């Protein structure tokens, strides 16, 4: 017969069970709190779809509106590399994203995208929103992975420009 493990003294079985129970309860409460806060944050940053407007825009107006939203999205994406500090790109993008999504939802409402005769237009708006999602991922990755290196490079340039030998010719 093997010798029982002295670390698991049977006299303390109830206390170990209570400790495991408290640990699981606290971990569950903490996890639910995180899930709740993330859900609230995502809901605040993502406007709901609006019902169709009473008067719909023409197909051409809707297409032009999608083109304008695309131009706005693309111009903001191009500004990402010029944000300083680069590690804050994601915060600036999220502020832009919320306003942009509100404009998208309003335009979708005015275009009646649920109609059968507007399937191609609906595809344009779905792809436009998909590109925006990818740009959001790009902004977060840029801020988290590249932003610190870009900020360090800018600091190195600034330090090098202050070097007394920077203005001398060889």
Protein backbone atom coordinates (compact mmCIF):
# COMPACT_ATOMS: atom_id res chain seq x y z
CA UNK A 1 0.00 0.00 0.00
CA UNK A 2 1.35 3.44 -0.94
CA UNK A 3 1.89 6.21 1.54
CA UNK A 4 -0.71 9.02 1.29
CA UNK A 5 0.53 12.38 0.04
CA UNK A 6 1.22 14.52 3.14
CA UNK A 7 0.24 17.70 1.25
CA UNK A 8 -3.33 16.40 0.94
CA UNK A 9 -4.11 15.73 4.57
CA UNK A 10 -7.69 14.37 4.75
CA UNK A 11 -8.42 16.59 7.74
CA UNK A 12 -8.25 19.66 5.46
CA UNK A 13 -10.42 18.30 2.63
CA UNK A 14 -13.33 20.64 3.51
CA UNK A 15 -11.06 23.68 3.53
CA UNK A 16 -9.53 22.77 0.16
CA UNK A 17 -13.06 22.36 -1.23
CA UNK A 18 -14.06 25.74 0.17
CA UNK A 19 -10.92 27.37 -1.26
CA UNK A 20 -11.64 25.88 -4.70
CA UNK A 21 -15.25 27.04 -4.46
CA UNK A 22 -14.26 30.60 -3.52
CA UNK A 23 -11.68 30.67 -6.32
CA UNK A 24 -14.20 29.48 -8.92
CA UNK A 25 -16.84 31.92 -7.67
CA UNK A 26 -14.47 34.91 -7.79
CA UNK A 27 -13.13 33.91 -11.21
CA UNK A 28 -16.71 33.57 -12.51
CA UNK A 29 -17.78 36.96 -11.14
CA UNK A 30 -14.68 38.62 -12.60
CA UNK A 31 -15.23 36.95 -16.00
CA UNK A 32 -18.87 38.01 -16.10
CA UNK A 33 -17.88 41.57 -15.17
CA UNK A 34 -15.37 41.67 -18.06
CA UNK A 35 -17.91 40.23 -20.51
CA UNK A 36 -20.53 42.78 -19.38
CA UNK A 37 -18.17 45.74 -19.79
CA UNK A 38 -16.88 44.61 -23.18
CA UNK A 39 -20.45 44.08 -24.41
CA UNK A 40 -21.48 47.56 -23.26
CA UNK A 41 -18.42 49.09 -24.91
CA UNK A 42 -19.04 47.33 -28.22
CA UNK A 43 -22.73 48.30 -28.15
CA UNK A 44 -21.80 51.94 -27.54
CA UNK A 45 -19.39 51.94 -30.48
CA UNK A 46 -21.72 50.20 -32.94
CA UNK A 47 -24.88 52.06 -33.91
CA UNK A 48 -27.96 49.94 -34.56
CA UNK A 49 -29.47 49.55 -37.99
CA UNK A 50 -32.31 51.99 -38.60
CA UNK A 51 -35.69 51.13 -40.12
CA UNK A 52 -36.21 52.15 -43.76
CA UNK A 53 -36.94 55.83 -44.19
CA UNK A 54 -40.40 56.87 -45.44
CA UNK A 55 -38.91 58.43 -48.58
CA UNK A 56 -36.11 56.53 -50.27
CA UNK A 57 -33.27 58.00 -52.26
CA UNK A 58 -32.70 57.01 -55.86
CA UNK A 59 -30.35 54.20 -56.75
CA UNK A 60 -27.80 56.72 -58.08
CA UNK A 61 -27.96 58.87 -54.93
CA UNK A 62 -27.39 55.77 -52.80
CA UNK A 63 -24.44 54.69 -54.91
CA UNK A 64 -22.95 58.19 -54.75
CA UNK A 65 -23.47 58.17 -50.97
CA UNK A 66 -21.61 54.87 -50.69
CA UNK A 67 -18.80 56.32 -52.81
CA UNK A 68 -18.59 59.36 -50.50
CA UNK A 69 -18.49 57.11 -47.43
CA UNK A 70 -15.71 55.09 -49.08
CA UNK A 71 -13.71 58.25 -49.86
CA UNK A 72 -14.08 59.41 -46.25
CA UNK A 73 -13.04 55.99 -44.92
CA UNK A 74 -10.01 55.81 -47.21
CA UNK A 75 -8.82 59.33 -46.42
CA UNK A 76 -9.02 58.63 -42.69
CA UNK A 77 -7.09 55.36 -43.16
CA UNK A 78 -4.34 57.27 -44.95
CA UNK A 79 -4.06 59.61 -41.94
CA UNK A 80 -3.32 56.68 -39.62
CA UNK A 81 0.40 56.66 -40.39
CA UNK A 82 0.69 60.36 -39.53
CA UNK A 83 -0.85 60.15 -36.05
CA UNK A 84 1.57 60.95 -33.26
CA UNK A 85 2.05 59.16 -30.97
CA UNK A 86 1.48 56.15 -33.22
CA UNK A 87 0.49 53.99 -30.29
CA UNK A 88 -2.75 56.06 -30.03
CA UNK A 89 -3.91 55.33 -33.60
CA UNK A 90 -6.56 52.88 -32.42
CA UNK A 91 -8.21 55.45 -30.14
CA UNK A 92 -8.39 58.04 -32.90
CA UNK A 93 -9.74 55.44 -35.33
CA UNK A 94 -12.46 54.32 -32.92
CA UNK A 95 -13.69 57.88 -32.52
CA UNK A 96 -13.86 58.26 -36.31
CA UNK A 97 -15.40 54.78 -36.74
CA UNK A 98 -18.42 55.49 -34.54
CA UNK A 99 -19.36 58.66 -36.43
CA UNK A 100 -18.73 56.98 -39.77
CA UNK A 101 -20.94 54.02 -38.85
CA UNK A 102 -23.75 56.39 -37.84
CA UNK A 103 -23.56 58.05 -41.27
CA UNK A 104 -23.53 54.59 -42.91
CA UNK A 105 -26.63 53.49 -40.96
CA UNK A 106 -28.47 56.69 -41.92
CA UNK A 107 -27.60 56.22 -45.58
CA UNK A 108 -28.66 52.55 -45.46
CA UNK A 109 -31.99 53.61 -43.98
CA UNK A 110 -32.55 56.19 -46.72
CA UNK A 111 -31.69 53.66 -49.45
CA UNK A 112 -34.07 50.83 -48.57
CA UNK A 113 -31.48 48.10 -48.98
CA UNK A 114 -33.94 45.34 -48.09
CA UNK A 115 -35.74 45.80 -51.41
CA UNK A 116 -35.21 43.08 -54.06
CA UNK A 117 -34.36 45.55 -56.78
CA UNK A 118 -31.46 46.91 -54.70
CA UNK A 119 -29.47 43.71 -54.20
CA UNK A 120 -26.38 45.06 -55.95
CA UNK A 121 -26.55 48.20 -53.85
CA UNK A 122 -26.92 46.09 -50.70
CA UNK A 123 -23.77 44.19 -51.72
CA UNK A 124 -21.88 47.48 -52.06
CA UNK A 125 -22.89 48.58 -48.56
CA UNK A 126 -22.04 45.16 -47.05
CA UNK A 127 -18.60 45.24 -48.63
CA UNK A 128 -18.09 48.82 -47.51
CA UNK A 129 -18.82 47.83 -43.93
CA UNK A 130 -16.54 44.78 -44.28
CA UNK A 131 -13.66 46.99 -45.41
CA UNK A 132 -14.30 49.28 -42.44
CA UNK A 133 -14.05 46.26 -40.13
CA UNK A 134 -10.71 45.31 -41.69
CA UNK A 135 -9.44 48.88 -41.33
CA UNK A 136 -10.42 48.77 -37.67
CA UNK A 137 -8.36 45.61 -37.20
CA UNK A 138 -5.50 47.28 -39.05
CA UNK A 139 -5.63 50.36 -36.78
CA UNK A 140 -5.60 48.26 -33.62
CA UNK A 141 -2.73 46.11 -34.90
CA UNK A 142 -0.77 49.15 -36.03
CA UNK A 143 -1.16 50.83 -32.65
CA UNK A 144 -0.29 47.69 -30.70
CA UNK A 145 2.45 46.14 -32.80
CA UNK A 146 4.00 48.89 -34.90
CA UNK A 147 3.07 52.04 -32.99
CA UNK A 148 5.67 51.63 -30.24
CA UNK A 149 8.44 51.04 -32.79
CA UNK A 150 7.36 54.09 -34.84
CA UNK A 151 7.28 56.25 -31.70
CA UNK A 152 10.76 55.01 -30.73
CA UNK A 153 12.02 55.81 -34.24
CA UNK A 154 10.64 59.36 -34.01
CA UNK A 155 12.35 59.76 -30.62
CA UNK A 156 15.64 58.50 -32.10
CA UNK A 157 15.35 61.03 -34.94
CA UNK A 158 14.70 63.84 -32.44
CA UNK A 159 17.71 62.79 -30.34
CA UNK A 160 19.94 62.55 -33.39
CA UNK A 161 18.90 66.01 -34.57
CA UNK A 162 19.99 67.43 -31.20
CA UNK A 163 23.43 65.86 -31.50
CA UNK A 164 26.13 68.56 -31.87
CA UNK A 165 27.61 66.70 -34.87
CA UNK A 166 24.33 66.72 -36.80
CA UNK A 167 25.00 70.10 -38.44
CA UNK A 168 28.65 69.54 -39.37
CA UNK A 169 29.78 68.62 -42.86
CA UNK A 170 32.37 65.83 -43.22
